[in-house]
Protein backbone atom coordinates (compact mmCIF):
# COMPACT_ATOMS: atom_id res chain seq x y z
CA MET A 1 -0.23 0.18 -0.02
CA ILE A 2 1.21 3.45 -0.83
CA ILE A 3 2.15 5.19 2.53
CA ASP A 4 2.79 8.80 1.26
CA PRO A 5 -0.72 10.40 1.72
CA THR A 6 0.17 12.80 -1.70
CA LEU A 7 1.07 10.06 -3.89
CA GLN A 8 -2.04 7.77 -2.89
CA LYS A 9 -4.40 10.81 -3.77
CA ARG A 10 -2.43 11.42 -6.89
CA ALA A 11 -3.10 7.61 -7.75
CA ARG A 12 -6.59 7.29 -6.91
CA ARG A 13 -7.29 10.72 -8.68
CA PHE A 14 -5.45 8.97 -11.66
CA VAL A 15 -7.28 5.72 -11.52
CA LEU A 16 -10.80 7.61 -11.32
CA LEU A 17 -9.72 9.66 -13.97
CA THR A 18 -8.51 6.92 -16.73
CA VAL A 19 -11.72 4.97 -15.87
CA PHE A 20 -13.88 8.06 -16.85
CA ILE A 21 -12.10 8.68 -20.13
CA TYR A 22 -12.24 5.00 -20.56
CA SER A 23 -15.82 5.39 -20.15
CA VAL A 24 -16.10 8.66 -22.17
CA GLY A 25 -14.58 7.36 -25.24
CA PHE A 26 -16.75 3.90 -24.86
CA GLY A 27 -19.67 6.05 -25.19
CA ILE A 28 -18.54 8.48 -27.50
CA ILE A 29 -18.53 5.66 -30.36
CA MET A 30 -21.90 4.50 -29.56
CA PRO A 31 -23.89 6.87 -31.79
CA VAL A 32 -21.74 6.68 -34.94
CA LEU A 33 -21.21 3.38 -34.58
CA PRO A 34 -24.06 1.75 -36.89
CA ASP A 35 -23.22 4.61 -39.45
CA LEU A 36 -19.90 3.39 -39.69
CA ILE A 37 -20.73 0.00 -40.09
CA ARG A 38 -22.94 0.56 -43.06
CA GLU A 39 -20.37 3.00 -44.34
CA LEU A 40 -17.96 0.28 -44.61
CA THR A 41 -20.41 -2.82 -45.74
CA ASN A 42 -22.98 -1.02 -47.43
CA VAL A 43 -25.66 -2.64 -45.43
CA SER A 44 -29.03 -1.94 -44.09
CA LEU A 45 -29.56 -0.63 -40.69
CA SER A 46 -30.95 -4.17 -39.10
CA GLU A 47 -27.76 -5.77 -40.74
CA ALA A 48 -25.50 -3.21 -39.35
CA THR A 49 -27.22 -3.83 -35.79
CA ARG A 50 -26.36 -7.42 -36.45
CA ILE A 51 -23.16 -6.61 -37.05
CA GLY A 52 -22.59 -4.52 -34.09
CA ALA A 53 -23.54 -7.17 -31.86
CA TRP A 54 -20.76 -9.58 -32.95
CA ILE A 55 -18.32 -6.36 -32.71
CA GLY A 56 -19.34 -6.10 -29.10
CA ALA A 57 -19.45 -9.76 -28.62
CA ALA A 58 -15.73 -10.08 -29.91
CA TYR A 59 -14.97 -7.34 -27.01
CA GLY A 60 -16.67 -9.46 -24.33
CA ILE A 61 -15.12 -12.88 -25.65
CA PHE A 62 -11.37 -11.50 -25.38
CA GLN A 63 -12.06 -9.94 -22.19
CA PHE A 64 -12.83 -13.00 -20.92
CA LEU A 65 -10.32 -14.99 -22.04
CA LEU A 66 -7.53 -12.39 -21.10
CA GLY A 67 -9.06 -10.68 -18.27
CA PRO A 68 -7.07 -13.01 -15.78
CA LEU A 69 -3.80 -12.91 -18.00
CA MET A 70 -4.02 -9.33 -16.99
CA GLY A 71 -4.68 -9.77 -14.03
CA ASN A 72 -1.92 -12.16 -12.77
CA LEU A 73 0.47 -10.35 -14.70
CA GLY A 74 -0.19 -7.26 -12.49
CA ASP A 75 0.02 -9.76 -9.45
CA ARG A 76 3.82 -10.13 -10.98
CA PHE A 77 5.25 -7.17 -12.35
CA GLY A 78 2.82 -4.77 -10.38
CA ARG A 79 -0.30 -2.23 -11.25
CA ARG A 80 1.38 0.35 -13.16
CA PRO A 81 2.80 -1.32 -16.49
CA VAL A 82 -0.57 -3.37 -16.75
CA PHE A 83 -2.38 0.00 -16.17
CA LEU A 84 -0.45 1.92 -18.95
CA VAL A 85 -0.68 -1.27 -21.53
CA SER A 86 -4.22 -1.03 -20.80
CA LEU A 87 -4.20 2.36 -21.47
CA PHE A 88 -2.32 2.00 -24.60
CA GLY A 89 -4.43 -0.85 -26.03
CA PHE A 90 -7.60 1.13 -25.46
CA GLY A 91 -6.17 4.17 -27.40
CA THR A 92 -5.01 1.81 -30.50
CA ASP A 93 -8.39 0.35 -30.52
CA PHE A 94 -10.09 3.47 -31.66
CA LEU A 95 -7.55 4.30 -33.66
CA LEU A 96 -7.75 1.51 -35.63
CA MET A 97 -11.23 1.65 -35.64
CA GLY A 98 -10.91 5.29 -36.60
CA VAL A 99 -8.77 4.38 -40.03
CA ALA A 100 -10.85 1.55 -40.61
CA PRO A 101 -10.99 0.70 -44.56
CA SER A 102 -13.04 -2.49 -43.84
CA ILE A 103 -15.05 -4.39 -41.44
CA ILE A 104 -12.56 -6.54 -40.26
CA TRP A 105 -10.77 -3.88 -38.88
CA LEU A 106 -13.65 -2.84 -36.39
CA PHE A 107 -13.46 -6.43 -34.97
CA VAL A 108 -9.65 -6.23 -34.48
CA GLY A 109 -10.28 -3.09 -32.41
CA ARG A 110 -12.56 -4.40 -30.52
CA SER A 111 -10.62 -7.58 -29.61
CA ILE A 112 -7.51 -5.54 -28.75
CA ALA A 113 -9.53 -3.35 -26.53
CA GLY A 114 -11.17 -6.33 -24.61
CA GLY A 115 -8.03 -8.25 -24.47
CA PHE A 116 -5.67 -5.71 -23.34
CA GLY A 117 -7.65 -2.55 -22.75
CA ALA A 118 -9.93 -3.57 -20.35
CA ILE A 119 -9.58 -0.96 -17.49
CA PHE A 120 -11.56 -2.29 -14.72
CA GLY A 121 -9.65 -5.06 -13.71
CA PRO A 122 -6.36 -3.06 -13.08
CA ALA A 123 -8.04 -0.20 -11.79
CA ASN A 124 -9.72 -2.33 -9.16
CA ALA A 125 -6.96 -4.03 -8.25
CA ALA A 126 -5.00 -0.73 -7.81
CA MET A 127 -7.67 0.60 -5.49
CA ALA A 128 -7.79 -2.78 -3.35
CA ASP A 129 -3.91 -2.23 -2.94
CA MET A 130 -4.71 1.38 -1.88
CA SER A 131 -7.83 0.64 0.65
CA ALA A 132 -8.12 -0.84 4.01
CA ALA A 133 -10.15 -3.54 3.71
CA GLU A 134 -13.34 -2.02 5.43
CA ASP A 135 -12.90 0.80 2.48
CA ARG A 136 -13.09 -1.38 -0.53
CA ALA A 137 -16.69 -1.48 -1.16
CA ALA A 138 -16.62 2.64 -1.00
CA SER A 139 -13.47 2.15 -3.49
CA PHE A 140 -14.95 0.05 -5.98
CA GLY A 141 -17.92 2.51 -5.76
CA LYS A 142 -16.10 5.40 -6.83
CA VAL A 143 -14.38 3.18 -10.00
CA GLY A 144 -18.31 2.47 -10.56
CA ALA A 145 -19.22 6.11 -10.29
CA ALA A 146 -16.63 7.36 -12.41
CA PHE A 147 -17.69 4.98 -15.20
CA GLY A 148 -21.12 5.55 -14.72
CA LEU A 149 -20.50 9.73 -15.06
CA GLY A 150 -18.26 8.96 -18.22
CA PHE A 151 -20.67 6.74 -19.74
CA ILE A 152 -23.48 9.47 -19.26
CA MET A 153 -21.31 12.05 -20.82
CA GLY A 154 -19.74 9.93 -23.86
CA PRO A 155 -23.05 9.51 -25.68
CA ALA A 156 -23.91 13.30 -25.58
CA LEU A 157 -20.48 14.23 -26.72
CA GLY A 158 -20.58 11.69 -29.40
CA GLY A 159 -23.83 13.07 -31.06
CA LEU A 160 -22.35 16.26 -31.16
CA LEU A 161 -19.24 15.18 -32.71
CA ALA A 162 -21.15 12.97 -35.25
CA GLU A 163 -22.15 15.85 -37.20
CA TYR A 164 -18.61 16.32 -38.53
CA GLY A 165 -18.21 12.61 -39.55
CA THR A 166 -18.32 9.36 -38.54
CA ARG A 167 -14.83 8.78 -37.84
CA LEU A 168 -13.98 11.65 -35.60
CA PRO A 169 -15.61 10.14 -32.08
CA PHE A 170 -12.92 7.30 -32.28
CA PHE A 171 -9.97 10.03 -32.87
CA ILE A 172 -11.12 11.85 -30.43
CA ALA A 173 -11.56 8.61 -28.11
CA GLY A 174 -8.06 7.44 -28.93
CA GLY A 175 -6.34 11.19 -28.58
CA LEU A 176 -7.82 11.04 -24.90
CA ALA A 177 -6.81 7.54 -24.32
CA PHE A 178 -2.96 7.77 -25.45
CA ALA A 179 -3.16 11.21 -23.64
CA ASN A 180 -4.14 9.68 -20.72
CA GLY A 181 -1.11 7.14 -21.11
CA ILE A 182 1.46 9.72 -21.48
CA TYR A 183 0.00 11.92 -18.33
CA GLY A 184 0.02 8.56 -16.32
CA TYR A 185 3.76 7.60 -17.27
CA PHE A 186 4.79 10.47 -15.44
CA VAL A 187 2.11 10.55 -12.37
CA PHE A 188 1.01 7.45 -11.67
CA PRO A 189 2.86 5.51 -8.89
CA GLU A 190 3.11 1.91 -8.34
CA THR A 191 0.51 0.76 -5.67
CA MET A 192 1.54 -2.68 -4.93
CA ASP A 193 4.66 -3.17 -3.00
CA LYS A 194 7.44 -5.25 -4.22
CA GLU A 195 7.36 -7.82 -1.58
CA ARG A 196 3.84 -8.47 -2.11
CA ARG A 197 4.36 -9.80 -5.53
CA ARG A 198 4.35 -13.24 -6.68
CA PRO A 199 5.59 -15.52 -9.64
CA PHE A 200 3.72 -15.87 -12.42
CA GLU A 201 2.08 -19.13 -13.39
CA TRP A 202 0.37 -19.71 -17.14
CA LYS A 203 -1.69 -22.19 -15.78
CA ARG A 204 -3.73 -19.51 -13.69
CA ALA A 205 -3.96 -16.85 -16.47
CA ASN A 206 -7.07 -17.94 -18.06
CA PRO A 207 -10.73 -17.95 -16.66
CA LEU A 208 -10.61 -21.66 -15.35
CA GLY A 209 -7.41 -21.81 -13.90
CA ALA A 210 -8.00 -18.62 -12.00
CA LEU A 211 -11.21 -19.97 -11.08
CA ALA A 212 -9.22 -23.18 -9.39
CA SER A 213 -6.76 -21.00 -8.16
CA LEU A 214 -9.33 -18.67 -6.23
CA GLY A 215 -11.38 -21.13 -5.40
CA LYS A 216 -9.20 -22.73 -2.87
CA ILE A 217 -9.78 -19.58 -0.79
CA LYS A 218 -12.46 -20.38 1.84
CA GLY A 219 -15.79 -18.44 1.05
CA ILE A 220 -14.78 -16.94 -2.81
CA LEU A 221 -16.82 -19.49 -4.82
CA PRO A 222 -20.21 -18.97 -3.70
CA VAL A 223 -19.62 -15.23 -3.51
CA ALA A 224 -18.31 -15.51 -7.10
CA PHE A 225 -21.49 -17.35 -7.80
CA VAL A 226 -23.71 -14.54 -6.93
CA TYR A 227 -21.90 -11.71 -8.45
CA PHE A 228 -21.76 -13.98 -11.69
CA VAL A 229 -25.94 -14.23 -11.47
CA TRP A 230 -26.45 -10.35 -10.28
CA VAL A 231 -24.10 -9.49 -13.33
CA CYS A 232 -26.31 -11.29 -15.55
CA SER A 233 -29.34 -10.06 -14.06
CA ILE A 234 -28.47 -6.39 -14.54
CA ASN A 235 -27.19 -6.65 -17.87
CA ILE A 236 -30.57 -7.60 -18.88
CA TYR A 237 -31.98 -4.34 -18.16
CA PRO A 238 -29.79 -2.11 -20.39
CA ALA A 239 -30.72 -4.49 -23.47
CA SER A 240 -34.46 -4.59 -23.17
CA TRP A 241 -35.34 -1.32 -21.83
CA ALA A 242 -35.17 0.79 -25.05
CA PHE A 243 -37.62 -2.03 -26.45
CA PHE A 244 -39.66 -2.56 -23.17
CA ALA A 245 -40.15 1.35 -22.78
CA ARG A 246 -41.57 2.04 -26.18
CA ALA A 247 -43.99 -1.05 -26.08
CA GLN A 248 -44.98 -0.50 -22.43
CA PHE A 249 -45.17 3.28 -22.14
CA GLY A 250 -45.08 4.61 -25.76
CA TRP A 251 -41.82 6.48 -25.17
CA ASP A 252 -39.86 7.49 -28.28
CA SER A 253 -36.06 7.41 -28.35
CA LYS A 254 -35.50 10.68 -26.43
CA MET A 255 -37.59 9.76 -23.71
CA THR A 256 -35.83 6.34 -23.41
CA GLY A 257 -32.45 8.08 -23.29
CA VAL A 258 -33.74 10.73 -20.50
CA SER A 259 -34.61 7.28 -18.39
CA LEU A 260 -31.35 5.73 -18.64
CA THR A 261 -29.86 9.01 -17.78
CA LEU A 262 -31.86 8.97 -14.51
CA VAL A 263 -30.59 5.84 -13.98
CA GLY A 264 -26.90 6.53 -14.47
CA VAL A 265 -27.35 9.75 -12.27
CA SER A 266 -28.67 7.93 -9.77
CA MET A 267 -26.30 5.13 -9.56
CA VAL A 268 -23.71 7.56 -9.87
CA LEU A 269 -24.86 9.65 -6.32
CA PHE A 270 -25.03 6.00 -4.65
CA GLN A 271 -21.81 4.51 -5.28
CA THR A 272 -20.12 7.84 -4.72
CA PHE A 273 -21.82 9.18 -1.47
CA ILE A 274 -24.09 6.36 -0.52
CA ILE A 275 -22.37 3.33 -0.29
CA GLY A 276 -19.31 3.97 2.30
CA ARG A 277 -22.00 5.25 4.68
CA ALA A 278 -24.11 1.87 4.27
CA VAL A 279 -21.13 -0.43 4.53
CA LYS A 280 -20.16 1.35 8.02
CA ARG A 281 -23.83 0.76 8.97
CA PHE A 282 -24.53 -2.41 7.53
CA GLY A 283 -21.37 -4.09 6.35
CA GLU A 284 -20.58 -5.37 2.90
CA ARG A 285 -23.03 -8.36 3.14
CA GLY A 286 -25.95 -6.35 4.21
CA THR A 287 -25.09 -3.31 1.61
CA ALA A 288 -25.36 -5.82 -0.85
CA LEU A 289 -28.45 -7.55 0.10
CA ILE A 290 -29.88 -3.94 0.28
CA GLY A 291 -28.81 -3.12 -3.10
CA MET A 292 -30.10 -6.25 -4.48
CA GLY A 293 -33.27 -6.01 -2.88
CA PHE A 294 -34.06 -2.69 -4.30
CA GLY A 295 -33.14 -3.95 -7.80
CA ILE A 296 -35.25 -6.78 -7.55
CA VAL A 297 -38.31 -5.07 -6.42
CA SER A 298 -37.84 -1.96 -8.62
CA TYR A 299 -37.69 -4.46 -11.48
CA LEU A 300 -40.87 -6.85 -10.54
CA ILE A 301 -43.04 -3.62 -10.05
CA VAL A 302 -41.65 -2.25 -13.73
CA ALA A 303 -42.55 -5.04 -15.15
CA PHE A 304 -46.27 -4.54 -14.30
CA LEU A 305 -46.57 -1.05 -14.65
CA THR A 306 -48.38 1.13 -17.36
CA ASN A 307 -47.80 4.46 -15.72
CA GLY A 308 -44.51 6.20 -16.97
CA THR A 309 -43.84 8.80 -14.86
CA VAL A 310 -43.84 5.97 -11.92
CA ALA A 311 -41.23 4.32 -13.67
CA LEU A 312 -39.06 7.20 -13.71
CA LEU A 313 -39.68 7.52 -10.54
CA LEU A 314 -38.34 3.97 -9.97
CA ASN A 315 -35.51 4.29 -12.37
CA ILE A 316 -34.20 6.88 -9.46
CA ILE A 317 -34.78 4.65 -6.64
CA ASN A 318 -32.99 1.86 -8.53
CA GLY A 319 -29.83 3.84 -7.72
CA PHE A 320 -29.68 1.87 -4.60
CA SER A 321 -29.27 -1.34 -6.62
CA GLY A 322 -25.72 0.28 -7.56
CA MET A 323 -23.85 -0.58 -4.67
CA ALA A 324 -24.46 -4.26 -5.11
CA MET A 325 -21.84 -5.26 -7.40
CA PRO A 326 -19.02 -2.80 -5.48
CA ALA A 327 -20.06 -4.65 -1.98
CA VAL A 328 -19.75 -8.00 -3.48
CA ASN A 329 -16.40 -7.41 -4.99
CA ALA A 330 -15.38 -6.13 -1.57
CA MET A 331 -16.14 -9.24 -0.12
CA MET A 332 -14.23 -11.44 -2.15
CA SER A 333 -11.43 -8.63 -2.16
CA MET A 334 -11.42 -8.92 1.68
CA ARG A 335 -10.75 -13.03 1.60
CA THR A 336 -8.09 -12.63 -1.11
CA PRO A 337 -4.45 -12.37 -0.21
CA PRO A 338 -2.65 -8.90 -1.37
CA ASN A 339 -0.27 -11.15 -3.87
CA GLN A 340 -3.60 -12.51 -5.83
CA GLN A 341 -5.76 -9.52 -6.14
CA GLY A 342 -5.11 -8.52 -9.92
CA GLU A 343 -6.03 -12.36 -10.40
CA LEU A 344 -9.56 -11.87 -8.56
CA GLN A 345 -10.32 -8.47 -10.37
CA GLY A 346 -8.96 -10.42 -13.88
CA LEU A 347 -11.49 -13.38 -13.06
CA THR A 348 -14.58 -10.75 -11.83
CA GLY A 349 -13.51 -9.26 -15.37
CA SER A 350 -14.14 -12.27 -17.19
CA MET A 351 -17.19 -13.03 -15.27
CA SER A 352 -18.59 -9.68 -16.19
CA ALA A 353 -17.57 -10.03 -19.78
CA LEU A 354 -19.51 -13.55 -19.73
CA ALA A 355 -22.61 -12.11 -18.19
CA PHE A 356 -22.52 -9.47 -20.73
CA LEU A 357 -22.33 -12.31 -23.61
């Protein structure tokens, strides 16, 4: 753990800034990706949507396969080199997509980003290095909040940039990533003590190997199962909400976007300001149960609602559910030795990617 308060503050600030920029870059391309696919393939919108889904799957597959590799490398060489490689992988992804002469380049770019540019594993591992056990849920919550804030701003910025061409948003996203990587090279200190590092083992650098290794730690597997099931359930919401809201409430795209923005803002607020207090009062397990409870109840009520105004209010209250993932992640992190934090966060990244697929 970094002892110097100034260095620790600088490291935390950089980690959160990086997650924010990653999320902004991810969101920037969303409005223009369908148009770029159509430009490269000359297909209909429905066919472009199908291709876009496969491009997203390429990202998820490589994140699933290589997440534990990056995590184990972090446990061997430290967080700093892995973090910087992830940033430059992220930047390379978007520059490749920005200059893409054919559709295959989009698949290559997304595969690189999934394998080497996934920020969450290194970010959470670095935050775990710098946090006492009782503060990890709050630290992971801030990482989630940084992502949520960026994801709110990214699509809006992407929509504005789209007026200047389908490729400009990709160059902006790539430029932000490279600029942040250069900045991090000079300001981001190593967060993992050298004496805590361990030898690299190829047999653990894959999802099954990491699961088998971490499964030897008492209490990890049941919590990991809960984490995976919860991530599966919450991924259903963004995938289906646009269709459900249109059919159930008659909302247009603008109103659907407003509702999703409210959810994002609500989760950012809960993950930033509420989760730390909740953990101190109820503990990680209690906070996770509260978050899941609110999520389950709100989803069940919305399923039978016909009043869109009430649905918007429930979307705001659903910010409580944003506390569940950081709390469950903290439960696993507290059980895991310092020299396996990267391996753990790599595995959670793999589980999240598999759930997304």
